[in-house]
PDB file of N, CA and C in Angstrom:
ATOM      1  N   MET A   1     114.041  74.634   6.997  1.00  0.00           N
ATOM      2  CA  MET A   1     112.845  74.122   7.618  1.00  0.00           C
ATOM      3  C   MET A   1     112.949  72.599   7.668  1.00  0.00           C
ATOM      4  N   CYS A   2     112.551  72.029   8.785  1.00  0.00           N
ATOM      5  CA  CYS A   2     112.552  70.580   8.955  1.00  0.00           C
ATOM      6  C   CYS A   2     111.118  70.087   9.044  1.00  0.00           C
ATOM      7  N   LEU A   3     110.866  68.955   8.433  1.00  0.00           N
ATOM      8  CA  LEU A   3     109.546  68.340   8.487  1.00  0.00           C
ATOM      9  C   LEU A   3     109.647  66.974   9.141  1.00  0.00           C
ATOM     10  N   ALA A   4     108.664  66.654   9.950  1.00  0.00           N
ATOM     11  CA  ALA A   4     108.555  65.309  10.504  1.00  0.00           C
ATOM     12  C   ALA A   4     107.558  64.562   9.626  1.00  0.00           C
ATOM     13  N   LEU A   5     108.024  63.532   8.942  1.00  0.00           N
ATOM     14  CA  LEU A   5     107.213  62.842   7.943  1.00  0.00           C
ATOM     15  C   LEU A   5     106.923  61.403   8.347  1.00  0.00           C
ATOM     16  N   PRO A   6     105.765  60.872   7.939  1.00  0.00           N
ATOM     17  CA  PRO A   6     105.501  59.462   8.207  1.00  0.00           C
ATOM     18  C   PRO A   6     106.364  58.572   7.319  1.00  0.00           C
ATOM     19  N   SER A   7     106.923  57.550   7.926  1.00  0.00           N
ATOM     20  CA  SER A   7     107.765  56.590   7.215  1.00  0.00           C
ATOM     21  C   SER A   7     107.336  55.187   7.609  1.00  0.00           C
ATOM     22  N   ARG A   8     107.417  54.257   6.661  1.00  0.00           N
ATOM     23  CA  ARG A   8     107.023  52.864   6.912  1.00  0.00           C
ATOM     24  C   ARG A   8     108.228  52.065   7.382  1.00  0.00           C
ATOM     25  N   VAL A   9     108.066  51.337   8.476  1.00  0.00           N
ATOM     26  CA  VAL A   9     109.129  50.494   9.010  1.00  0.00           C
ATOM     27  C   VAL A   9     109.251  49.262   8.123  1.00  0.00           C
ATOM     28  N   VAL A  10     110.458  49.039   7.578  1.00  0.00           N
ATOM     29  CA  VAL A  10     110.674  47.892   6.696  1.00  0.00           C
ATOM     30  C   VAL A  10     111.518  46.803   7.350  1.00  0.00           C
ATOM     31  N   ALA A  11     112.221  47.136   8.443  1.00  0.00           N
ATOM     32  CA  ALA A  11     113.023  46.136   9.155  1.00  0.00           C
ATOM     33  C   ALA A  11     113.317  46.632  10.559  1.00  0.00           C
ATOM     34  N   LEU A  12     113.345  45.703  11.497  1.00  0.00           N
ATOM     35  CA  LEU A  12     113.772  46.018  12.853  1.00  0.00           C
ATOM     36  C   LEU A  12     115.219  45.589  12.995  1.00  0.00           C
ATOM     37  N   LEU A  13     116.038  46.458  13.564  1.00  0.00           N
ATOM     38  CA  LEU A  13     117.459  46.209  13.729  1.00  0.00           C
ATOM     39  C   LEU A  13     117.789  46.100  15.213  1.00  0.00           C
ATOM     40  N   ASP A  14     119.025  45.766  15.526  1.00  0.00           N
ATOM     41  CA  ASP A  14     119.469  45.692  16.917  1.00  0.00           C
ATOM     42  C   ASP A  14     119.518  47.078  17.544  1.00  0.00           C
ATOM     43  N   ASP A  15     119.587  47.105  18.872  1.00  0.00           N
ATOM     44  CA  ASP A  15     119.804  48.337  19.641  1.00  0.00           C
ATOM     45  C   ASP A  15     118.737  49.402  19.408  1.00  0.00           C
ATOM     46  N   ASP A  16     117.460  49.005  19.435  1.00  0.00           N
ATOM     47  CA  ASP A  16     116.351  49.966  19.265  1.00  0.00           C
ATOM     48  C   ASP A  16     116.458  50.770  17.979  1.00  0.00           C
ATOM     49  N   GLN A  17     116.858  50.116  16.915  1.00  0.00           N
ATOM     50  CA  GLN A  17     116.967  50.764  15.609  1.00  0.00           C
ATOM     51  C   GLN A  17     115.995  50.091  14.642  1.00  0.00           C
ATOM     52  N   ALA A  18     115.642  50.819  13.601  1.00  0.00           N
ATOM     53  CA  ALA A  18     114.805  50.265  12.536  1.00  0.00           C
ATOM     54  C   ALA A  18     115.239  50.864  11.219  1.00  0.00           C
ATOM     55  N   LYS A  19     114.897  50.174  10.154  1.00  0.00           N
ATOM     56  CA  LYS A  19     115.096  50.704   8.808  1.00  0.00           C
ATOM     57  C   LYS A  19     113.720  51.133   8.323  1.00  0.00           C
ATOM     58  N   VAL A  20     113.625  52.379   7.817  1.00  0.00           N
ATOM     59  CA  VAL A  20     112.353  52.898   7.323  1.00  0.00           C
ATOM     60  C   VAL A  20     112.475  53.294   5.865  1.00  0.00           C
ATOM     61  N   ASP A  21     111.322  53.322   5.197  1.00  0.00           N
ATOM     62  CA  ASP A  21     111.250  53.729   3.798  1.00  0.00           C
ATOM     63  C   ASP A  21     110.373  54.967   3.693  1.00  0.00           C
ATOM     64  N   LEU A  22     110.886  55.959   3.002  1.00  0.00           N
ATOM     65  CA  LEU A  22     110.109  57.160   2.715  1.00  0.00           C
ATOM     66  C   LEU A  22     110.313  57.508   1.256  1.00  0.00           C
ATOM     67  N   GLY A  23     109.339  57.163   0.457  1.00  0.00           N
ATOM     68  CA  GLY A  23     109.407  57.486  -0.958  1.00  0.00           C
ATOM     69  C   GLY A  23     110.586  56.868  -1.673  1.00  0.00           C
ATOM     70  N   GLY A  24     110.950  55.650  -1.300  1.00  0.00           N
ATOM     71  CA  GLY A  24     112.061  54.971  -1.948  1.00  0.00           C
ATOM     72  C   GLY A  24     113.411  55.205  -1.298  1.00  0.00           C
ATOM     73  N   VAL A  25     113.475  56.103  -0.341  1.00  0.00           N
ATOM     74  CA  VAL A  25     114.709  56.351   0.406  1.00  0.00           C
ATOM     75  C   VAL A  25     114.646  55.529   1.685  1.00  0.00           C
ATOM     76  N   THR A  26     115.673  54.713   1.913  1.00  0.00           N
ATOM     77  CA  THR A  26     115.732  53.870   3.099  1.00  0.00           C
ATOM     78  C   THR A  26     116.826  54.377   4.018  1.00  0.00           C
ATOM     79  N   LYS A  27     116.488  54.485   5.313  1.00  0.00           N
ATOM     80  CA  LYS A  27     117.505  54.911   6.275  1.00  0.00           C
ATOM     81  C   LYS A  27     117.249  54.271   7.625  1.00  0.00           C
ATOM     82  N   ALA A  28     118.296  54.212   8.428  1.00  0.00           N
ATOM     83  CA  ALA A  28     118.189  53.671   9.778  1.00  0.00           C
ATOM     84  C   ALA A  28     117.799  54.799  10.725  1.00  0.00           C
ATOM     85  N   ILE A  29     116.887  54.477  11.647  1.00  0.00           N
ATOM     86  CA  ILE A  29     116.444  55.455  12.635  1.00  0.00           C
ATOM     87  C   ILE A  29     116.448  54.809  14.014  1.00  0.00           C
ATOM     88  N   SER A  30     116.325  55.635  15.040  1.00  0.00           N
ATOM     89  CA  SER A  30     116.232  55.155  16.412  1.00  0.00           C
ATOM     90  C   SER A  30     114.773  54.986  16.812  1.00  0.00           C
ATOM     91  N   LEU A  31     114.486  53.891  17.514  1.00  0.00           N
ATOM     92  CA  LEU A  31     113.155  53.647  18.072  1.00  0.00           C
ATOM     93  C   LEU A  31     113.132  53.879  19.580  1.00  0.00           C
ATOM     94  N   ALA A  32     114.144  54.548  20.113  1.00  0.00           N
ATOM     95  CA  ALA A  32     114.284  54.720  21.555  1.00  0.00           C
ATOM     96  C   ALA A  32     113.098  55.441  22.198  1.00  0.00           C
ATOM     97  N   LEU A  33     112.371  56.240  21.435  1.00  0.00           N
ATOM     98  CA  LEU A  33     111.280  57.039  21.996  1.00  0.00           C
ATOM     99  C   LEU A  33     109.895  56.424  21.790  1.00  0.00           C
ATOM    100  N   VAL A  34     109.820  55.284  21.082  1.00  0.00           N
ATOM    101  CA  VAL A  34     108.527  54.681  20.737  1.00  0.00           C
ATOM    102  C   VAL A  34     108.554  53.194  21.087  1.00  0.00           C
ATOM    103  N   GLU A  35     107.476  52.712  21.681  1.00  0.00           N
ATOM    104  CA  GLU A  35     107.393  51.298  22.054  1.00  0.00           C
ATOM    105  C   GLU A  35     106.531  50.514  21.072  1.00  0.00           C
ATOM    106  N   ASP A  36     106.753  49.214  21.034  1.00  0.00           N
ATOM    107  CA  ASP A  36     105.912  48.272  20.287  1.00  0.00           C
ATOM    108  C   ASP A  36     105.786  48.598  18.804  1.00  0.00           C
ATOM    109  N   VAL A  37     106.898  48.860  18.160  1.00  0.00           N
ATOM    110  CA  VAL A  37     106.905  49.119  16.721  1.00  0.00           C
ATOM    111  C   VAL A  37     107.173  47.805  15.998  1.00  0.00           C
ATOM    112  N   ALA A  38     106.414  47.542  14.942  1.00  0.00           N
ATOM    113  CA  ALA A  38     106.562  46.322  14.151  1.00  0.00           C
ATOM    114  C   ALA A  38     106.792  46.685  12.690  1.00  0.00           C
ATOM    115  N   VAL A  39     107.337  45.733  11.950  1.00  0.00           N
ATOM    116  CA  VAL A  39     107.503  45.924  10.507  1.00  0.00           C
ATOM    117  C   VAL A  39     106.124  46.190   9.905  1.00  0.00           C
ATOM    118  N   GLY A  40     106.050  47.196   9.046  1.00  0.00           N
ATOM    119  CA  GLY A  40     104.790  47.591   8.429  1.00  0.00           C
ATOM    120  C   GLY A  40     104.124  48.773   9.104  1.00  0.00           C
ATOM    121  N   ASP A  41     104.516  49.062  10.352  1.00  0.00           N
ATOM    122  CA  ASP A  41     103.977  50.235  11.045  1.00  0.00           C
ATOM    123  C   ASP A  41     104.491  51.511  10.397  1.00  0.00           C
ATOM    124  N   TYR A  42     103.736  52.582  10.560  1.00  0.00           N
ATOM    125  CA  TYR A  42     104.190  53.907  10.151  1.00  0.00           C
ATOM    126  C   TYR A  42     104.567  54.684  11.401  1.00  0.00           C
ATOM    127  N   VAL A  43     105.674  55.400  11.316  1.00  0.00           N
ATOM    128  CA  VAL A  43     106.126  56.244  12.418  1.00  0.00           C
ATOM    129  C   VAL A  43     106.441  57.633  11.879  1.00  0.00           C
ATOM    130  N   ILE A  44     106.297  58.627  12.741  1.00  0.00           N
ATOM    131  CA  ILE A  44     106.728  59.979  12.401  1.00  0.00           C
ATOM    132  C   ILE A  44     108.207  60.065  12.739  1.00  0.00           C
ATOM    133  N   VAL A  45     109.019  60.445  11.751  1.00  0.00           N
ATOM    134  CA  VAL A  45     110.470  60.514  11.924  1.00  0.00           C
ATOM    135  C   VAL A  45     110.921  61.963  11.848  1.00  0.00           C
ATOM    136  N   HIS A  46     111.753  62.342  12.807  1.00  0.00           N
ATOM    137  CA  HIS A  46     112.349  63.679  12.808  1.00  0.00           C
ATOM    138  C   HIS A  46     113.771  63.548  13.330  1.00  0.00           C
ATOM    139  N   VAL A  47     114.701  64.087  12.601  1.00  0.00           N
ATOM    140  CA  VAL A  47     116.146  64.071  12.901  1.00  0.00           C
ATOM    141  C   VAL A  47     116.638  62.700  13.365  1.00  0.00           C
ATOM    142  N   GLY A  48     116.182  61.650  12.674  1.00  0.00           N
ATOM    143  CA  GLY A  48     116.694  60.314  12.923  1.00  0.00           C
ATOM    144  C   GLY A  48     116.018  59.539  14.033  1.00  0.00           C
ATOM    145  N   TYR A  49     114.962  60.090  14.620  1.00  0.00           N
ATOM    146  CA  TYR A  49     114.241  59.417  15.699  1.00  0.00           C
ATOM    147  C   TYR A  49     112.778  59.240  15.328  1.00  0.00           C
ATOM    148  N   ALA A  50     112.234  58.068  15.617  1.00  0.00           N
ATOM    149  CA  ALA A  50     110.790  57.877  15.519  1.00  0.00           C
ATOM    150  C   ALA A  50     110.178  58.562  16.728  1.00  0.00           C
ATOM    151  N   LEU A  51     109.219  59.455  16.490  1.00  0.00           N
ATOM    152  CA  LEU A  51     108.595  60.195  17.583  1.00  0.00           C
ATOM    153  C   LEU A  51     107.304  59.550  18.062  1.00  0.00           C
ATOM    154  N   THR A  52     106.548  58.958  17.139  1.00  0.00           N
ATOM    155  CA  THR A  52     105.276  58.331  17.480  1.00  0.00           C
ATOM    156  C   THR A  52     104.830  57.422  16.341  1.00  0.00           C
ATOM    157  N   LYS A  53     103.979  56.467  16.669  1.00  0.00           N
ATOM    158  CA  LYS A  53     103.361  55.646  15.629  1.00  0.00           C
ATOM    159  C   LYS A  53     102.177  56.410  15.053  1.00  0.00           C
ATOM    160  N   VAL A  54     101.856  56.121  13.781  1.00  0.00           N
ATOM    161  CA  VAL A  54     100.778  56.813  13.083  1.00  0.00           C
ATOM    162  C   VAL A  54      99.827  55.784  12.483  1.00  0.00           C
ATOM    163  N   ASP A  55      98.546  56.099  12.498  1.00  0.00           N
ATOM    164  CA  ASP A  55      97.546  55.272  11.848  1.00  0.00           C
ATOM    165  C   ASP A  55      97.910  55.135  10.370  1.00  0.00           C
ATOM    166  N   PRO A  56      97.913  53.919   9.830  1.00  0.00           N
ATOM    167  CA  PRO A  56      98.309  53.729   8.425  1.00  0.00           C
ATOM    168  C   PRO A  56      97.498  54.559   7.432  1.00  0.00           C
ATOM    169  N   ALA A  57      96.202  54.699   7.649  1.00  0.00           N
ATOM    170  CA  ALA A  57      95.377  55.489   6.725  1.00  0.00           C
ATOM    171  C   ALA A  57      95.794  56.957   6.745  1.00  0.00           C
ATOM    172  N   GLU A  58      96.072  57.494   7.931  1.00  0.00           N
ATOM    173  CA  GLU A  58      96.519  58.888   8.039  1.00  0.00           C
ATOM    174  C   GLU A  58      97.891  59.073   7.402  1.00  0.00           C
ATOM    175  N   ALA A  59      98.776  58.097   7.600  1.00  0.00           N
ATOM    176  CA  ALA A  59     100.115  58.180   7.005  1.00  0.00           C
ATOM    177  C   ALA A  59     100.018  58.195   5.484  1.00  0.00           C
ATOM    178  N   GLU A  60      99.213  57.303   4.918  1.00  0.00           N
ATOM    179  CA  GLU A  60      99.054  57.247   3.458  1.00  0.00           C
ATOM    180  C   GLU A  60      98.446  58.542   2.923  1.00  0.00           C
ATOM    181  N   LYS A  61      97.488  59.095   3.645  1.00  0.00           N
ATOM    182  CA  LYS A  61      96.857  60.357   3.247  1.00  0.00           C
ATOM    183  C   LYS A  61      97.891  61.485   3.234  1.00  0.00           C
ATOM    184  N   THR A  62      98.704  61.562   4.269  1.00  0.00           N
ATOM    185  CA  THR A  62      99.741  62.594   4.353  1.00  0.00           C
ATOM    186  C   THR A  62     100.758  62.436   3.234  1.00  0.00           C
ATOM    187  N   LEU A  63     101.205  61.211   2.991  1.00  0.00           N
ATOM    188  CA  LEU A  63     102.184  60.972   1.930  1.00  0.00           C
ATOM    189  C   LEU A  63     101.609  61.314   0.559  1.00  0.00           C
ATOM    190  N   ALA A  64     100.326  61.036   0.354  1.00  0.00           N
ATOM    191  CA  ALA A  64      99.680  61.385  -0.917  1.00  0.00           C
ATOM    192  C   ALA A  64      99.634  62.899  -1.104  1.00  0.00           C
ATOM    193  N   LEU A  65      99.365  63.636  -0.039  1.00  0.00           N
ATOM    194  CA  LEU A  65      99.351  65.101  -0.122  1.00  0.00           C
ATOM    195  C   LEU A  65     100.732  65.651  -0.462  1.00  0.00           C
ATOM    196  N   PHE A  66     101.773  65.095   0.151  1.00  0.00           N
ATOM    197  CA  PHE A  66     103.135  65.535  -0.168  1.00  0.00           C
ATOM    198  C   PHE A  66     103.476  65.221  -1.618  1.00  0.00           C
ATOM    199  N   ALA A  67     103.029  64.072  -2.122  1.00  0.00           N
ATOM    200  CA  ALA A  67     103.277  63.716  -3.525  1.00  0.00           C
ATOM    201  C   ALA A  67     102.571  64.697  -4.457  1.00  0.00           C
ATOM    202  N   GLN A  68     101.353  65.101  -4.108  1.00  0.00           N
ATOM    203  CA  GLN A  68     100.629  66.085  -4.917  1.00  0.00           C
ATOM    204  C   GLN A  68     101.354  67.428  -4.924  1.00  0.00           C
ATOM    205  N   MET A  69     101.848  67.846  -3.763  1.00  0.00           N
ATOM    206  CA  MET A  69     102.579  69.117  -3.692  1.00  0.00           C
ATOM    207  C   MET A  69     103.852  69.059  -4.524  1.00  0.00           C
ATOM    208  N   GLU A  70     104.545  67.927  -4.455  1.00  0.00           N
ATOM    209  CA  GLU A  70     105.767  67.773  -5.243  1.00  0.00           C
ATOM    210  C   GLU A  70     105.453  67.816  -6.736  1.00  0.00           C
ATOM    211  N   ALA A  71     104.405  67.124  -7.148  1.00  0.00           N
ATOM    212  CA  ALA A  71     104.025  67.112  -8.562  1.00  0.00           C
ATOM    213  C   ALA A  71     103.621  68.505  -9.033  1.00  0.00           C
ATOM    214  N   ALA A  72     102.912  69.239  -8.211  1.00  0.00           N
ATOM    215  CA  ALA A  72     102.497  70.597  -8.574  1.00  0.00           C
ATOM    216  C   ALA A  72     103.704  71.517  -8.696  1.00  0.00           C
ATOM    217  N   GLY A  73     104.692  71.304  -7.843  1.00  0.00           N
ATOM    218  CA  GLY A  73     105.899  72.132  -7.886  1.00  0.00           C
ATOM    219  C   GLY A  73     106.762  71.857  -9.093  1.00  0.00           C
ATOM    220  N   THR A  74     106.769  70.630  -9.580  1.00  0.00           N
ATOM    221  CA  THR A  74     107.614  70.289 -10.729  1.00  0.00           C
ATOM    222  C   THR A  74     106.936  70.595 -12.055  1.00  0.00           C
ATOM    223  N   SER A  75     105.620  70.790 -12.046  1.00  0.00           N
ATOM    224  CA  SER A  75     104.925  71.081 -13.300  1.00  0.00           C
ATOM    225  C   SER A  75     104.801  72.578 -13.561  1.00  0.00           C
ATOM    226  N   ALA A  76     105.228  73.389 -12.620  1.00  0.00           N
ATOM    227  CA  ALA A  76     105.098  74.850 -12.777  1.00  0.00           C
ATOM    228  C   ALA A  76     106.195  75.421 -13.650  1.00  0.00           C
TER     229      ALA A  76
END
């Protein structure tokens, strides 16, 4: 199963690329499908591509829910 997760843009790179952070993991992604992305924005990432920008409050809410699910899974 693949999930498209919100990730925070930490750097803009050449050739429509960006570096994003998701829970301490940093990776390069393509911005070819999304316009006007800035450092600090949240984007939905799937298979190495940013699909859309996300409201920061919604992104934080989603990430908090995933953290709760992870914590519940490790305490069982």
